Amino acid sequence: MSSTVLDLKGLMCPLPVVKIANAIKKVEIGELIEATASDPGVLADIPAWARSSGNELVTMEKVEGKVIRFVVKRIR
């Protein structure tokens, strides 16, 4: 299974969600997108987007400093 990696650091709401929404359309069902972001808004925005889009938020964690790492799986 392949995965796409996105660096969304420095982008503010709503751009991280826009970038994930565009990227999910380019991967096959079952594939993963791994992303890092610095906007704390993604902590609420990405889970909400995953629910509303029918995709799966696999993991979300704060890593170094203000950086948030998350993995989304395309379900449909």
Protein backbone atom coordinates (compact mmCIF):
# COMPACT_ATOMS: atom_id res chain seq x y z
CA MET A 1 0.00 0.00 0.00
CA SER A 2 1.45 3.35 -0.96
CA SER A 3 0.98 6.62 0.84
CA THR A 4 1.11 10.27 -0.09
CA VAL A 5 2.94 12.72 2.17
CA LEU A 6 1.84 16.36 2.46
CA ASP A 7 3.63 19.18 4.25
CA LEU A 8 0.93 21.64 5.29
CA LYS A 9 3.00 23.53 7.84
CA GLY A 10 2.51 27.29 7.65
CA LEU A 11 -0.92 26.99 6.01
CA MET A 12 -3.85 28.40 7.95
CA CYS A 13 -7.49 27.33 7.93
CA PRO A 14 -9.10 26.40 5.60
CA LEU A 15 -6.09 25.52 3.42
CA PRO A 16 -5.03 22.28 5.18
CA VAL A 17 -8.54 20.85 4.69
CA VAL A 18 -8.65 22.06 1.08
CA LYS A 19 -5.27 20.40 0.36
CA ILE A 20 -6.34 17.11 2.00
CA ALA A 21 -9.67 17.12 0.15
CA ASN A 22 -7.87 17.59 -3.17
CA ALA A 23 -5.21 14.99 -2.38
CA ILE A 24 -7.72 12.32 -1.33
CA LYS A 25 -9.25 12.43 -4.81
CA LYS A 26 -5.87 11.49 -6.33
CA VAL A 27 -5.22 8.33 -4.31
CA GLU A 28 -6.85 4.92 -4.64
CA ILE A 29 -9.41 3.63 -2.15
CA GLY A 30 -7.53 2.14 0.80
CA GLU A 31 -4.47 4.34 0.35
CA LEU A 32 -3.17 6.69 3.02
CA ILE A 33 -2.25 10.35 3.12
CA GLU A 34 0.20 11.35 5.82
CA ALA A 35 0.34 15.06 6.58
CA THR A 36 1.98 17.49 8.95
CA ALA A 37 0.44 20.85 9.80
CA SER A 38 1.15 23.71 12.19
CA ASP A 39 -2.34 25.26 12.35
CA PRO A 40 -3.97 24.08 15.62
CA GLY A 41 -7.32 24.32 13.84
CA VAL A 42 -6.60 21.00 12.12
CA LEU A 43 -7.22 19.25 15.45
CA ALA A 44 -10.93 19.98 14.97
CA ASP A 45 -11.11 20.52 11.21
CA ILE A 46 -9.54 17.26 9.98
CA PRO A 47 -11.70 14.91 12.12
CA ALA A 48 -14.81 16.86 11.06
CA TRP A 49 -13.76 16.70 7.39
CA ALA A 50 -13.07 12.95 7.65
CA ARG A 51 -16.55 12.32 9.10
CA SER A 52 -18.32 14.49 6.55
CA SER A 53 -16.36 13.12 3.57
CA GLY A 54 -16.69 9.47 4.58
CA ASN A 55 -12.94 8.93 4.95
CA GLU A 56 -11.07 7.60 7.98
CA LEU A 57 -8.78 9.56 10.28
CA VAL A 58 -6.29 6.82 11.19
CA THR A 59 -4.07 8.77 13.59
CA MET A 60 -3.57 12.31 14.80
CA GLU A 61 -0.83 13.38 17.19
CA LYS A 62 1.17 16.39 18.21
CA VAL A 63 4.81 15.84 17.37
CA GLU A 64 7.56 18.45 17.75
CA GLY A 65 6.50 21.84 19.09
CA LYS A 66 3.34 23.01 17.34
CA VAL A 67 3.46 20.40 14.57
CA ILE A 68 0.52 18.02 14.23
CA ARG A 69 0.90 14.80 12.26
CA PHE A 70 -2.13 12.95 10.95
CA VAL A 71 -2.92 10.08 8.62
CA VAL A 72 -6.12 9.83 6.59
CA LYS A 73 -7.29 6.72 4.73
CA ARG A 74 -9.46 6.96 1.63
CA ILE A 75 -12.58 4.89 2.21
CA ARG A 76 -14.68 5.87 -0.81
